[in-house]
Protein backbone atom coordinates (compact mmCIF):
# COMPACT_ATOMS: atom_id res chain seq x y z
CA MET A 1 0.00 0.00 0.00
CA SER A 2 1.33 3.44 -0.87
CA ASP A 3 1.94 6.08 1.79
CA PRO A 4 -1.10 8.15 0.74
CA GLY A 5 -3.29 5.03 0.78
CA LEU A 6 -2.05 4.00 4.22
CA TYR A 7 -2.52 7.48 5.67
CA THR A 8 -5.98 7.75 4.15
CA HIS A 9 -7.01 4.43 5.69
CA LEU A 10 -5.60 5.31 9.13
CA TYR A 11 -7.16 8.77 8.96
CA ALA A 12 -10.56 7.21 8.21
CA GLN A 13 -10.23 4.84 11.16
CA LEU A 14 -9.28 7.69 13.49
CA ARG A 15 -12.25 9.68 12.19
CA ASP A 16 -14.62 6.77 12.77
CA CYS A 17 -13.38 6.28 16.34
CA ALA A 18 -13.62 10.00 17.07
CA GLU A 19 -17.17 10.15 15.67
CA LEU A 20 -18.16 7.16 17.80
CA ILE A 21 -16.80 8.86 20.92
CA ASP A 22 -18.61 12.10 20.06
CA GLN A 23 -21.89 10.22 19.55
CA VAL A 24 -21.52 8.48 22.92
CA ILE A 25 -20.71 11.75 24.72
CA ILE A 26 -23.82 13.36 23.25
CA ASP A 27 -25.91 10.32 24.12
CA LEU A 28 -24.66 10.25 27.71
CA GLU A 29 -25.28 13.97 28.13
CA CYS A 30 -28.88 13.48 26.90
CA LYS A 31 -29.80 11.39 29.93
CA GLY A 32 -32.39 8.74 29.37
CA SER A 33 -31.74 8.49 25.65
CA ASN A 34 -31.63 4.99 24.22
CA ALA A 35 -30.93 6.24 20.71
CA GLY A 36 -27.18 5.64 21.10
CA LYS A 37 -27.33 2.29 22.87
CA LYS A 38 -25.59 0.49 19.99
CA GLU A 39 -22.85 3.13 19.86
CA ARG A 40 -22.37 2.93 23.65
CA GLU A 41 -22.02 -0.85 23.43
CA THR A 42 -19.55 -0.56 20.55
CA LEU A 43 -17.39 2.01 22.35
CA ALA A 44 -17.52 0.12 25.66
CA GLY A 45 -16.37 -3.03 23.86
CA LEU A 46 -13.54 -1.17 22.15
CA LEU A 47 -12.37 0.35 25.44
CA ARG A 48 -12.42 -3.08 27.11
CA THR A 49 -10.32 -4.42 24.25
CA LEU A 50 -7.78 -1.65 24.91
CA GLN A 51 -7.38 -3.00 28.43
CA ALA A 52 -7.51 -6.74 27.72
CA ALA A 53 -6.14 -7.48 24.26
CA PRO A 54 -5.24 -4.35 22.31
CA THR A 55 -3.90 -6.33 19.37
CA ALA A 56 -7.22 -8.16 18.97
CA ASN A 57 -8.59 -5.71 16.42
CA LEU A 58 -7.31 -2.93 14.22
CA ASN A 59 -9.24 -0.09 15.92
CA ALA A 60 -7.93 -1.09 19.35
CA MET A 61 -4.38 -1.42 18.03
CA LEU A 62 -4.60 2.00 16.40
CA LEU A 63 -5.93 3.56 19.62
CA VAL A 64 -3.22 1.94 21.74
CA ASN A 65 -0.55 3.35 19.46
CA VAL A 66 -2.12 6.81 19.53
CA LEU A 67 -2.53 6.70 23.32
CA ARG A 68 1.05 5.58 23.82
CA GLU A 69 2.03 9.07 22.68
CA ASN A 70 -0.16 10.66 25.37
CA ARG A 71 0.73 9.51 28.87
CA VAL A 72 -2.34 10.99 30.55
CA ALA A 73 -4.86 9.18 28.37
CA ALA A 74 -2.77 6.00 28.37
CA ASN A 75 -3.05 5.74 32.17
CA ALA A 76 -6.84 5.63 32.16
CA ASN A 77 -8.64 2.54 33.39
CA TRP A 78 -10.66 1.92 30.25
CA ASN A 79 -12.58 -0.99 31.80
CA GLU A 80 -14.02 1.39 34.40
CA ILE A 81 -14.95 3.88 31.71
CA ALA A 82 -16.55 1.09 29.65
CA ASP A 83 -18.59 -0.06 32.66
CA ALA A 84 -19.70 3.53 33.25
CA ILE A 85 -20.76 3.86 29.60
CA ASP A 86 -22.79 0.66 29.93
CA ARG A 87 -24.53 2.13 32.99
CA GLY A 88 -25.23 5.39 31.16
CA ASP A 89 -23.04 7.25 33.67
CA ALA A 90 -22.68 10.86 32.53
CA SER A 91 -20.48 11.96 35.43
CA GLN A 92 -17.79 14.55 34.87
CA THR A 93 -15.13 11.86 35.29
CA VAL A 94 -16.53 9.71 32.48
CA ILE A 95 -17.31 12.60 30.14
CA GLY A 96 -13.90 14.13 30.91
CA ARG A 97 -12.04 10.93 30.00
CA LEU A 98 -14.03 10.57 26.79
CA GLU A 99 -13.41 14.21 25.87
CA GLU A 100 -9.71 13.72 26.60
CA LEU A 101 -9.68 10.69 24.31
CA ALA A 102 -11.51 12.70 21.63
CA ARG A 103 -8.91 15.50 21.90
CA VAL A 104 -6.03 13.04 21.54
CA LEU A 105 -7.67 11.51 18.46
CA GLU A 106 -8.37 14.94 16.96
CA SER A 107 -4.73 15.92 17.43
CA GLU A 108 -3.59 12.70 15.79
CA ARG A 109 -6.04 13.24 12.93
CA ALA A 110 -4.57 16.70 12.34
CA ASP A 111 -1.06 15.22 12.29
CA MET A 112 -2.22 12.47 9.95
CA HIS A 113 -3.82 15.05 7.66
CA ALA A 114 -0.53 16.92 7.47
CA ARG A 115 1.34 13.68 6.69
CA MET A 116 -1.19 12.83 3.99
CA HIS A 117 -0.64 16.15 2.28
CA GLY A 118 3.10 15.88 2.77
CA SER A 119 3.16 12.44 1.15
CA HIS A 120 1.19 13.71 -1.85
CA ALA A 121 3.77 16.43 -2.38
CA ARG A 122 6.54 13.95 -3.15
């Protein structure tokens, strides 16, 4: 796979993860909403995979590599956050961790975007 193709694929995966996190944050903040139940389950499963077997799927492996760069987010107990998501817990702690994860992903997406454009310039 060429550099632009690889970056485009990774960028899309980062975007999908970031959108999932944003959807779950919105759903949690709209207490009582069941509209995002599937998204909450998907994100909770992904976060548990980060803790248990990060090489089990591509999204988890990508997130682990991104989080490795950010020590604060990497030290989170993702199982606890996943359990809280399952409970519909919209506490500041849970929302804060998810927002932190979203910020890390957004920063990585911006870096990836720059690399994509840099690789096209060759």
